[in-house]
Structure formats: structure tokens, C-alpha cells
Amino acid sequence: MCKKRALPFLIIITMLLSFFPFMVAGAETDDGTKENFSEVIWDFDDGTTQGFDVNADSPVKNVTLSNDNNSLKIEGLSASNDISEGNYWANLRISADGWKKTQDILGAETLTMDVIAAAPATVSIAAVPQSPASMWANPRRAVIVRESDFTQQSDGTYKALLTINTDDAPNFNAIAEDADDSKMISIILFIGTKDADVIYLDNITVNGARKMIDNPGTHDPLGAPTIKPPIAGDSSVHLEWNGVEGAKGFNVYSTTTSGSYSTAMWKE
């Protein structure tokens, strides 16, 4: 009995050893090194608003969004004029609910955007990035760019870079730190201005650092295992490999009767 029980065990060990190089070649290693990244999510270069519109819950409604010279034009902001850090609730809300795309923001640390105006102005923006599992957390504060932050461009307009970090926007932090829910599906922006009825947004970008994964290597498609003659048992080995495309494992059966096989005693 002991010898017959040894046969399936030896088959299992032999088959596992034959697959060992495959498993090693496919292993991923992580040395903890991070690589900086910067990904533009909304650039408006397609001539559309890329899903942005006035949010249904916005307290300010009489605002028009359009694409103007490949940037997002927001017109009617004279009614949205709170520029404090905390009272962003009174301002216009826009959201990218019509975007219909996703962006992986795992490891993101800042959200930046170009704010463009006909003249230097004060602009306040708070943000709520959204994912399937993290739809809402109140912004901790609005971020403000002031007149002194604007630089004149070659076309005569003025541009400032506004930067929101994960401390400013807790929902941004929640998504950027969740490896299982790091896909941003939309964003809500609260926008207030002083001395500007019209502004333009462009190049809404996430920036951060992600862990670098070593090259996992390549391997040949899974093939039939290599079976060696038994060195114990009744010297009878029966193994059939059905070459099914995409197969990722195998079953091992044991028997003491020729032509009759048990249910699988080992599955890989």
C-alpha cells in the first residue's frame, strides 16, 4: 500500500518541478523604487468639453461651458464669486459626468490645471475626484490663485498654474492610495472668481510617483508537462494532456485498476 500511495505523490512532485521555471519566469519583483509620472487627463484638444457640464447640484446655474481654442471656456462666473478657502459651497459646480472614460491615478500626489483669463484675476477651485467606490468626501479647502500668479502669454491672455494636493481634497487622497479602486471616473470642481466673468481651464493633470515593477519576463505558452518514469509503485503511469488553448493548470488522477481513474486528487 505504501508503494502505491507513493506513485501519485511522485507524479505530482515531478510535474510541479517541470513547471517551476515557468513560475519563476513570471514572477514580479518590487524593489521599492518609485518613478515620477505626470498624465494629462483633460486637454480639450478634441474640440469638445470632454464630458464637463454644470453639475446638477450647482447653486449657480446660469453658466455656459464650451470649447474655445482647445480649452474649456466657463462663462457667467460673475454670480460665483466666493474666493475663500472654506465657503466653496456657494460657488459654481461643474463635473465631468459625461466623460465616459477612466484614469488610473494610483500614486498621484497633485492635481494641476492651467487657469487662463483675459486679465489677471483671483480664482478659487476645490475638487472632488470620483471613483466607483469613492464618490464623495468634502474638500478640505479650496485652492486659490491670485493676480500675482498670472503670467501674460504670447496671445495676450494671462495664465496661472493651480495645484491641488491630496490634503486639499481627501477624496483625491482616498483614490490615489487605493490599489483596488484607483480608477478616476469623474471629477467635480467648485469654481469662484473675483473680477472675472470668463475663465478657461486647460491641461488638467495628475502628478505623482508609482512603485516600479521589475520586468516580469516572458515565457512560452503553457505546454504538456514532462513526465519521468516512476521509481516506486506498480510501474503504471497514465497521464493525458488535452491541449486546450489558454489552459493554465492540470489535474492528477490516481488508480489501482487499469483503465479506471478516480476523481482528481490534485489540481493545479
C-alpha atoms as a PDB file:
ATOM      1  CA  MET A   1       0.000   0.000   0.000  1.00  0.00           C
ATOM      2  CA  CYS A   2       2.806   2.415   0.825  1.00  0.00           C
ATOM      3  CA  LYS A   3       4.408   1.984  -2.581  1.00  0.00           C
ATOM      4  CA  LYS A   4       1.139   2.514  -4.426  1.00  0.00           C
ATOM      5  CA  ARG A   5       0.466   5.687  -2.473  1.00  0.00           C
ATOM      6  CA  ALA A   6       3.926   6.962  -3.362  1.00  0.00           C
ATOM      7  CA  LEU A   7       3.197   6.858  -7.102  1.00  0.00           C
ATOM      8  CA  PRO A   8       0.758   9.798  -7.323  1.00  0.00           C
ATOM      9  CA  PHE A   9       2.946  11.794  -4.944  1.00  0.00           C
ATOM     10  CA  LEU A  10       5.997  11.307  -7.171  1.00  0.00           C
ATOM     11  CA  ILE A  11       3.994  12.253 -10.254  1.00  0.00           C
ATOM     12  CA  ILE A  12       2.849  15.428  -8.535  1.00  0.00           C
ATOM     13  CA  ILE A  13       6.381  16.376  -7.479  1.00  0.00           C
ATOM     14  CA  THR A  14       7.747  15.657 -10.966  1.00  0.00           C
ATOM     15  CA  MET A  15       5.053  17.746 -12.647  1.00  0.00           C
ATOM     16  CA  LEU A  16       5.494  20.651 -10.257  1.00  0.00           C
ATOM     17  CA  LEU A  17       9.246  20.635 -10.832  1.00  0.00           C
ATOM     18  CA  SER A  18       8.689  20.673 -14.591  1.00  0.00           C
ATOM     19  CA  PHE A  19       6.590  23.837 -14.193  1.00  0.00           C
ATOM     20  CA  PHE A  20       8.983  25.560 -11.768  1.00  0.00           C
ATOM     21  CA  PRO A  21      10.944  27.534 -14.424  1.00  0.00           C
ATOM     22  CA  PHE A  22       7.654  28.858 -15.812  1.00  0.00           C
ATOM     23  CA  MET A  23       6.545  30.091 -12.405  1.00  0.00           C
ATOM     24  CA  VAL A  24       9.872  31.791 -11.715  1.00  0.00           C
ATOM     25  CA  ALA A  25       9.942  33.497 -15.120  1.00  0.00           C
ATOM     26  CA  GLY A  26       6.536  35.023 -14.494  1.00  0.00           C
ATOM     27  CA  ALA A  27       7.283  36.328 -11.010  1.00  0.00           C
ATOM     28  CA  GLU A  28       7.152  40.065 -10.377  1.00  0.00           C
ATOM     29  CA  THR A  29       9.585  41.750  -8.037  1.00  0.00           C
ATOM     30  CA  ASP A  30       9.370  45.159  -6.433  1.00  0.00           C
ATOM     31  CA  ASP A  31      12.499  46.868  -5.186  1.00  0.00           C
ATOM     32  CA  GLY A  32      10.534  49.738  -3.663  1.00  0.00           C
ATOM     33  CA  THR A  33      11.811  52.267  -6.194  1.00  0.00           C
ATOM     34  CA  LYS A  34       9.288  54.870  -7.301  1.00  0.00           C
ATOM     35  CA  GLU A  35       9.103  56.595 -10.653  1.00  0.00           C
ATOM     36  CA  ASN A  36       7.601  60.054 -11.106  1.00  0.00           C
ATOM     37  CA  PHE A  37       4.718  60.395 -13.543  1.00  0.00           C
ATOM     38  CA  SER A  38       2.593  63.189 -14.990  1.00  0.00           C
ATOM     39  CA  GLU A  39      -0.527  62.363 -17.015  1.00  0.00           C
ATOM     40  CA  VAL A  40      -2.791  64.902 -18.706  1.00  0.00           C
ATOM     41  CA  ILE A  41      -6.376  63.717 -18.297  1.00  0.00           C
ATOM     42  CA  TRP A  42      -8.352  66.564 -19.849  1.00  0.00           C
ATOM     43  CA  ASP A  43      -6.604  68.604 -22.566  1.00  0.00           C
ATOM     44  CA  PHE A  44      -9.696  69.606 -24.596  1.00  0.00           C
ATOM     45  CA  ASP A  45      -7.716  69.183 -27.811  1.00  0.00           C
ATOM     46  CA  ASP A  46     -10.588  67.342 -29.495  1.00  0.00           C
ATOM     47  CA  GLY A  47     -12.733  70.486 -29.695  1.00  0.00           C
ATOM     48  CA  THR A  48     -15.246  69.305 -27.069  1.00  0.00           C
ATOM     49  CA  THR A  49     -15.811  69.907 -23.350  1.00  0.00           C
ATOM     50  CA  GLN A  50     -14.693  66.278 -22.784  1.00  0.00           C
ATOM     51  CA  GLY A  51     -17.690  65.489 -20.605  1.00  0.00           C
ATOM     52  CA  PHE A  52     -17.769  68.638 -18.461  1.00  0.00           C
ATOM     53  CA  ASP A  53     -21.048  70.414 -17.776  1.00  0.00           C
ATOM     54  CA  VAL A  54     -22.751  72.337 -14.990  1.00  0.00           C
ATOM     55  CA  ASN A  55     -23.360  69.879 -12.153  1.00  0.00           C
ATOM     56  CA  ALA A  56     -26.996  69.134 -11.333  1.00  0.00           C
ATOM     57  CA  ASP A  57     -26.475  70.241  -7.706  1.00  0.00           C
ATOM     58  CA  SER A  58     -24.744  73.504  -8.553  1.00  0.00           C
ATOM     59  CA  PRO A  59     -26.247  76.519  -6.729  1.00  0.00           C
ATOM     60  CA  VAL A  60     -25.162  78.658  -9.696  1.00  0.00           C
ATOM     61  CA  LYS A  61     -26.923  77.583 -12.882  1.00  0.00           C
ATOM     62  CA  ASN A  62     -26.721  80.367 -15.450  1.00  0.00           C
ATOM     63  CA  VAL A  63     -23.261  79.412 -16.684  1.00  0.00           C
ATOM     64  CA  THR A  64     -22.157  78.268 -20.126  1.00  0.00           C
ATOM     65  CA  LEU A  65     -19.410  75.728 -20.812  1.00  0.00           C
ATOM     66  CA  SER A  66     -17.880  75.363 -24.261  1.00  0.00           C
ATOM     67  CA  ASN A  67     -14.647  74.512 -26.018  1.00  0.00           C
ATOM     68  CA  ASP A  68     -12.764  77.601 -27.136  1.00  0.00           C
ATOM     69  CA  ASN A  69      -9.399  77.242 -28.845  1.00  0.00           C
ATOM     70  CA  ASN A  70      -8.929  73.777 -27.313  1.00  0.00           C
ATOM     71  CA  SER A  71      -9.576  74.834 -23.735  1.00  0.00           C
ATOM     72  CA  LEU A  72     -12.655  74.700 -21.500  1.00  0.00           C
ATOM     73  CA  LYS A  73     -14.380  78.093 -21.535  1.00  0.00           C
ATOM     74  CA  ILE A  74     -16.536  78.862 -18.474  1.00  0.00           C
ATOM     75  CA  GLU A  75     -18.744  81.917 -18.928  1.00  0.00           C
ATOM     76  CA  GLY A  76     -21.072  83.510 -16.362  1.00  0.00           C
ATOM     77  CA  LEU A  77     -18.864  83.413 -13.268  1.00  0.00           C
ATOM     78  CA  SER A  78     -19.893  86.857 -12.024  1.00  0.00           C
ATOM     79  CA  ALA A  79     -22.548  85.048  -9.961  1.00  0.00           C
ATOM     80  CA  SER A  80     -19.949  82.672  -8.485  1.00  0.00           C
ATOM     81  CA  ASN A  81     -17.681  84.962  -6.543  1.00  0.00           C
ATOM     82  CA  ASP A  82     -16.678  83.431  -3.219  1.00  0.00           C
ATOM     83  CA  ILE A  83     -12.883  83.170  -3.187  1.00  0.00           C
ATOM     84  CA  SER A  84     -12.392  81.930   0.379  1.00  0.00           C
ATOM     85  CA  GLU A  85     -10.904  78.535   1.214  1.00  0.00           C
ATOM     86  CA  GLY A  86     -13.945  77.286   3.103  1.00  0.00           C
ATOM     87  CA  ASN A  87     -17.111  78.669   1.517  1.00  0.00           C
ATOM     88  CA  TYR A  88     -16.701  76.996  -1.864  1.00  0.00           C
ATOM     89  CA  TRP A  89     -20.222  75.555  -1.404  1.00  0.00           C
ATOM     90  CA  ALA A  90     -21.683  78.859  -2.641  1.00  0.00           C
ATOM     91  CA  ASN A  91     -19.862  78.620  -5.969  1.00  0.00           C
ATOM     92  CA  LEU A  92     -20.490  77.066  -9.343  1.00  0.00           C
ATOM     93  CA  ARG A  93     -20.030  73.303  -9.566  1.00  0.00           C
ATOM     94  CA  ILE A  94     -19.018  71.647 -12.799  1.00  0.00           C
ATOM     95  CA  SER A  95     -18.427  67.926 -13.277  1.00  0.00           C
ATOM     96  CA  ALA A  96     -17.121  65.535 -15.921  1.00  0.00           C
ATOM     97  CA  ASP A  97     -20.038  63.117 -15.660  1.00  0.00           C
ATOM     98  CA  GLY A  98     -20.205  62.840 -19.449  1.00  0.00           C
ATOM     99  CA  TRP A  99     -16.549  61.892 -19.796  1.00  0.00           C
ATOM    100  CA  LYS A 100     -17.224  58.118 -20.044  1.00  0.00           C
ATOM    101  CA  LYS A 101     -13.579  57.215 -19.519  1.00  0.00           C
ATOM    102  CA  THR A 102     -11.367  56.198 -16.596  1.00  0.00           C
ATOM    103  CA  GLN A 103      -7.878  57.135 -15.484  1.00  0.00           C
ATOM    104  CA  ASP A 104      -5.706  55.208 -13.053  1.00  0.00           C
ATOM    105  CA  ILE A 105      -4.387  57.753 -10.534  1.00  0.00           C
ATOM    106  CA  LEU A 106      -2.682  55.347  -8.133  1.00  0.00           C
ATOM    107  CA  GLY A 107       0.223  57.179  -6.508  1.00  0.00           C
ATOM    108  CA  ALA A 108      -0.992  60.627  -7.570  1.00  0.00           C
ATOM    109  CA  GLU A 109       0.004  63.465  -5.250  1.00  0.00           C
ATOM    110  CA  THR A 110      -1.150  66.616  -7.030  1.00  0.00           C
ATOM    111  CA  LEU A 111      -3.817  67.685  -9.492  1.00  0.00           C
ATOM    112  CA  THR A 112      -2.772  70.653 -11.616  1.00  0.00           C
ATOM    113  CA  MET A 113      -4.555  72.772 -14.197  1.00  0.00           C
ATOM    114  CA  ASP A 114      -3.936  75.883 -16.245  1.00  0.00           C
ATOM    115  CA  VAL A 115      -6.252  78.779 -15.370  1.00  0.00           C
ATOM    116  CA  ILE A 116      -6.455  81.305 -18.200  1.00  0.00           C
ATOM    117  CA  ALA A 117      -8.154  84.703 -18.225  1.00  0.00           C
ATOM    118  CA  ALA A 118      -8.207  87.894 -20.269  1.00  0.00           C
ATOM    119  CA  ALA A 119      -6.569  89.709 -17.349  1.00  0.00           C
ATOM    120  CA  PRO A 120      -5.049  88.664 -14.012  1.00  0.00           C
ATOM    121  CA  ALA A 121      -7.783  87.625 -11.570  1.00  0.00           C
ATOM    122  CA  THR A 122      -8.397  85.756  -8.337  1.00  0.00           C
ATOM    123  CA  VAL A 123      -9.748  82.233  -8.892  1.00  0.00           C
ATOM    124  CA  SER A 124     -10.751  79.673  -6.247  1.00  0.00           C
ATOM    125  CA  ILE A 125     -11.149  75.955  -7.071  1.00  0.00           C
ATOM    126  CA  ALA A 126     -11.992  72.987  -4.827  1.00  0.00           C
ATOM    127  CA  ALA A 127     -12.068  69.442  -6.195  1.00  0.00           C
ATOM    128  CA  VAL A 128     -13.725  66.074  -5.615  1.00  0.00           C
ATOM    129  CA  PRO A 129     -12.207  63.395  -7.884  1.00  0.00           C
ATOM    130  CA  GLN A 130     -14.507  60.360  -8.045  1.00  0.00           C
ATOM    131  CA  SER A 131     -14.080  56.592  -8.400  1.00  0.00           C
ATOM    132  CA  PRO A 132     -16.630  53.743  -8.269  1.00  0.00           C
ATOM    133  CA  ALA A 133     -16.031  53.160  -4.541  1.00  0.00           C
ATOM    134  CA  SER A 134     -15.057  56.707  -3.503  1.00  0.00           C
ATOM    135  CA  MET A 135     -17.711  59.038  -4.817  1.00  0.00           C
ATOM    136  CA  TRP A 136     -17.580  61.793  -2.228  1.00  0.00           C
ATOM    137  CA  ALA A 137     -15.599  63.368   0.579  1.00  0.00           C
ATOM    138  CA  ASN A 138     -15.852  67.080   1.253  1.00  0.00           C
ATOM    139  CA  PRO A 139     -12.874  69.101   0.032  1.00  0.00           C
ATOM    140  CA  ARG A 140     -10.786  70.283   2.963  1.00  0.00           C
ATOM    141  CA  ARG A 141     -10.228  73.631   1.286  1.00  0.00           C
ATOM    142  CA  ALA A 142     -10.367  75.489  -1.997  1.00  0.00           C
ATOM    143  CA  VAL A 143      -7.052  76.411  -3.600  1.00  0.00           C
ATOM    144  CA  ILE A 144      -6.635  79.997  -4.745  1.00  0.00           C
ATOM    145  CA  VAL A 145      -4.543  81.619  -7.479  1.00  0.00           C
ATOM    146  CA  ARG A 146      -4.238  85.386  -7.253  1.00  0.00           C
ATOM    147  CA  GLU A 147      -3.485  88.157  -9.708  1.00  0.00           C
ATOM    148  CA  SER A 148       0.233  87.968  -8.957  1.00  0.00           C
ATOM    149  CA  ASP A 149       0.285  84.295 -10.014  1.00  0.00           C
ATOM    150  CA  PHE A 150      -0.680  85.079 -13.618  1.00  0.00           C
ATOM    151  CA  THR A 151       1.810  85.488 -16.447  1.00  0.00           C
ATOM    152  CA  GLN A 152       0.995  87.069 -19.786  1.00  0.00           C
ATOM    153  CA  GLN A 153       1.062  84.719 -22.780  1.00  0.00           C
ATOM    154  CA  SER A 154       2.041  85.407 -26.384  1.00  0.00           C
ATOM    155  CA  ASP A 155      -1.629  85.708 -27.386  1.00  0.00           C
ATOM    156  CA  GLY A 156      -2.258  88.412 -24.797  1.00  0.00           C
ATOM    157  CA  THR A 157      -4.120  86.210 -22.292  1.00  0.00           C
ATOM    158  CA  TYR A 158      -2.883  85.503 -18.772  1.00  0.00           C
ATOM    159  CA  LYS A 159      -2.213  82.060 -17.314  1.00  0.00           C
ATOM    160  CA  ALA A 160      -1.625  80.687 -13.814  1.00  0.00           C
ATOM    161  CA  LEU A 161      -0.972  77.128 -12.653  1.00  0.00           C
ATOM    162  CA  LEU A 162      -3.336  75.962  -9.902  1.00  0.00           C
ATOM    163  CA  THR A 163      -2.208  72.962  -7.825  1.00  0.00           C
ATOM    164  CA  ILE A 164      -4.480  70.842  -5.619  1.00  0.00           C
ATOM    165  CA  ASN A 165      -2.818  68.244  -3.408  1.00  0.00           C
ATOM    166  CA  THR A 166      -4.216  65.208  -1.620  1.00  0.00           C
ATOM    167  CA  ASP A 167      -4.508  67.126   1.649  1.00  0.00           C
ATOM    168  CA  ASP A 168      -6.700  69.740  -0.037  1.00  0.00           C
ATOM    169  CA  ALA A 169      -9.004  67.029  -1.423  1.00  0.00           C
ATOM    170  CA  PRO A 170      -9.481  63.943   0.828  1.00  0.00           C
ATOM    171  CA  ASN A 171     -11.361  62.054  -1.883  1.00  0.00           C
ATOM    172  CA  PHE A 172      -8.375  62.541  -4.182  1.00  0.00           C
ATOM    173  CA  ASN A 173      -6.180  61.013  -1.483  1.00  0.00           C
ATOM    174  CA  ALA A 174      -8.556  58.067  -0.962  1.00  0.00           C
ATOM    175  CA  ILE A 175      -8.480  57.125  -4.645  1.00  0.00           C
ATOM    176  CA  ALA A 176      -4.757  57.695  -5.144  1.00  0.00           C
ATOM    177  CA  GLU A 177      -3.904  55.380  -2.225  1.00  0.00           C
ATOM    178  CA  ASP A 178      -6.333  52.548  -3.024  1.00  0.00           C
ATOM    179  CA  ALA A 179      -4.756  49.957  -5.319  1.00  0.00           C
ATOM    180  CA  ASP A 180      -8.156  48.262  -5.703  1.00  0.00           C
ATOM    181  CA  ASP A 181     -10.084  51.441  -6.520  1.00  0.00           C
ATOM    182  CA  SER A 182      -7.658  53.863  -8.156  1.00  0.00           C
ATOM    183  CA  LYS A 183      -9.619  54.497 -11.372  1.00  0.00           C
ATOM    184  CA  MET A 184     -10.967  58.034 -11.516  1.00  0.00           C
ATOM    185  CA  ILE A 185     -14.260  58.173 -13.425  1.00  0.00           C
ATOM    186  CA  SER A 186     -15.191  61.842 -12.976  1.00  0.00           C
ATOM    187  CA  ILE A 187     -14.341  64.999 -11.069  1.00  0.00           C
ATOM    188  CA  ILE A 188     -16.369  67.806  -9.520  1.00  0.00           C
ATOM    189  CA  LEU A 189     -14.884  71.308  -9.414  1.00  0.00           C
ATOM    190  CA  PHE A 190     -16.189  74.198  -7.308  1.00  0.00           C
ATOM    191  CA  ILE A 191     -15.153  77.445  -9.018  1.00  0.00           C
ATOM    192  CA  GLY A 192     -15.288  81.001  -7.709  1.00  0.00           C
ATOM    193  CA  THR A 193     -13.753  84.165  -9.189  1.00  0.00           C
ATOM    194  CA  LYS A 194     -13.193  87.813  -8.447  1.00  0.00           C
ATOM    195  CA  ASP A 195     -13.100  90.298 -11.338  1.00  0.00           C
ATOM    196  CA  ALA A 196     -13.528  87.590 -13.993  1.00  0.00           C
ATOM    197  CA  ASP A 197     -16.805  86.567 -15.609  1.00  0.00           C
ATOM    198  CA  VAL A 198     -14.993  84.253 -18.028  1.00  0.00           C
ATOM    199  CA  ILE A 199     -12.076  81.907 -17.396  1.00  0.00           C
ATOM    200  CA  TYR A 200     -10.602  78.967 -19.272  1.00  0.00           C
ATOM    201  CA  LEU A 201      -9.273  75.686 -17.876  1.00  0.00           C
ATOM    202  CA  ASP A 202      -6.765  73.508 -19.688  1.00  0.00           C
ATOM    203  CA  ASN A 203      -4.380  70.583 -19.185  1.00  0.00           C
ATOM    204  CA  ILE A 204      -5.972  69.082 -16.078  1.00  0.00           C
ATOM    205  CA  THR A 205      -3.193  66.734 -14.989  1.00  0.00           C
ATOM    206  CA  VAL A 206      -2.349  64.240 -12.234  1.00  0.00           C
ATOM    207  CA  ASN A 207       1.220  64.038 -10.967  1.00  0.00           C
ATOM    208  CA  GLY A 208       2.866  61.684  -8.512  1.00  0.00           C
ATOM    209  CA  ALA A 209       5.123  58.677  -8.064  1.00  0.00           C
ATOM    210  CA  ARG A 210       4.455  54.958  -8.512  1.00  0.00           C
ATOM    211  CA  LYS A 211       6.436  51.918  -7.472  1.00  0.00           C
ATOM    212  CA  MET A 212       8.492  50.498 -10.300  1.00  0.00           C
ATOM    213  CA  ILE A 213       7.923  46.820 -11.087  1.00  0.00           C
ATOM    214  CA  ASP A 214      10.838  44.834 -12.469  1.00  0.00           C
ATOM    215  CA  ASN A 215      10.387  43.334 -15.911  1.00  0.00           C
ATOM    216  CA  PRO A 216       8.342  40.192 -15.237  1.00  0.00           C
ATOM    217  CA  GLY A 217       9.985  38.434 -18.168  1.00  0.00           C
ATOM    218  CA  THR A 218       8.391  36.379 -20.902  1.00  0.00           C
ATOM    219  CA  HIS A 219       7.652  32.695 -21.177  1.00  0.00           C
ATOM    220  CA  ASP A 220       6.454  30.228 -23.743  1.00  0.00           C
ATOM    221  CA  PRO A 221       2.795  29.197 -23.803  1.00  0.00           C
ATOM    222  CA  LEU A 222       1.890  26.510 -21.272  1.00  0.00           C
ATOM    223  CA  GLY A 223       2.622  23.082 -22.749  1.00  0.00           C
ATOM    224  CA  ALA A 224       2.353  19.442 -21.715  1.00  0.00           C
ATOM    225  CA  PRO A 225       4.293  18.631 -18.521  1.00  0.00           C
ATOM    226  CA  THR A 226       7.393  16.458 -18.671  1.00  0.00           C
ATOM    227  CA  ILE A 227       6.781  13.089 -17.010  1.00  0.00           C
ATOM    228  CA  LYS A 228       9.602  10.821 -15.885  1.00  0.00           C
ATOM    229  CA  PRO A 229       9.283   7.030 -15.372  1.00  0.00           C
ATOM    230  CA  PRO A 230       8.092   6.127 -11.863  1.00  0.00           C
ATOM    231  CA  ILE A 231      10.625   4.860  -9.365  1.00  0.00           C
ATOM    232  CA  ALA A 232       8.056   3.430  -6.954  1.00  0.00           C
ATOM    233  CA  GLY A 233       4.609   1.883  -7.052  1.00  0.00           C
ATOM    234  CA  ASP A 234       3.300  -0.590  -9.602  1.00  0.00           C
ATOM    235  CA  SER A 235       5.215   0.942 -12.565  1.00  0.00           C
ATOM    236  CA  SER A 236       1.988   2.047 -14.236  1.00  0.00           C
ATOM    237  CA  VAL A 237       1.633   5.691 -15.219  1.00  0.00           C
ATOM    238  CA  HIS A 238      -1.274   7.080 -17.213  1.00  0.00           C
ATOM    239  CA  LEU A 239      -1.368  10.794 -17.951  1.00  0.00           C
ATOM    240  CA  GLU A 240      -3.294  12.531 -20.707  1.00  0.00           C
ATOM    241  CA  TRP A 241      -2.827  16.199 -21.569  1.00  0.00           C
ATOM    242  CA  ASN A 242      -5.582  17.842 -23.571  1.00  0.00           C
ATOM    243  CA  GLY A 243      -4.003  20.727 -25.435  1.00  0.00           C
ATOM    244  CA  VAL A 244      -6.676  23.311 -24.740  1.00  0.00           C
ATOM    245  CA  GLU A 245      -5.742  26.838 -25.778  1.00  0.00           C
ATOM    246  CA  GLY A 246      -5.399  29.083 -22.757  1.00  0.00           C
ATOM    247  CA  ALA A 247      -5.064  26.202 -20.275  1.00  0.00           C
ATOM    248  CA  LYS A 248      -3.498  27.331 -17.024  1.00  0.00           C
ATOM    249  CA  GLY A 249      -3.298  24.136 -15.000  1.00  0.00           C
ATOM    250  CA  PHE A 250      -3.656  20.370 -14.860  1.00  0.00           C
ATOM    251  CA  ASN A 251      -5.330  17.576 -12.871  1.00  0.00           C
ATOM    252  CA  VAL A 252      -3.649  14.441 -11.489  1.00  0.00           C
ATOM    253  CA  TYR A 253      -5.667  11.233 -11.060  1.00  0.00           C
ATOM    254  CA  SER A 254      -4.733   8.091  -9.128  1.00  0.00           C
ATOM    255  CA  THR A 255      -5.768   4.487  -9.803  1.00  0.00           C
ATOM    256  CA  THR A 256      -5.006   0.907  -8.860  1.00  0.00           C
ATOM    257  CA  THR A 257      -7.101  -0.565 -11.687  1.00  0.00           C
ATOM    258  CA  SER A 258      -6.055  -0.347 -15.327  1.00  0.00           C
ATOM    259  CA  GLY A 259      -8.456   1.781 -17.378  1.00  0.00           C
ATOM    260  CA  SER A 260     -10.248   3.215 -14.352  1.00  0.00           C
ATOM    261  CA  TYR A 261      -9.394   6.589 -12.852  1.00  0.00           C
ATOM    262  CA  SER A 262     -10.510   8.363  -9.732  1.00  0.00           C
ATOM    263  CA  THR A 263     -11.682  11.920  -9.421  1.00  0.00           C
ATOM    264  CA  ALA A 264      -8.847  14.404  -9.483  1.00  0.00           C
ATOM    265  CA  MET A 265      -6.707  14.122  -6.381  1.00  0.00           C
ATOM    266  CA  TRP A 266      -4.526  17.098  -7.328  1.00  0.00           C
ATOM    267  CA  LYS A 267      -5.454  20.248  -9.161  1.00  0.00           C
ATOM    268  CA  GLU A 268      -3.013  22.918 -10.224  1.00  0.00           C
END
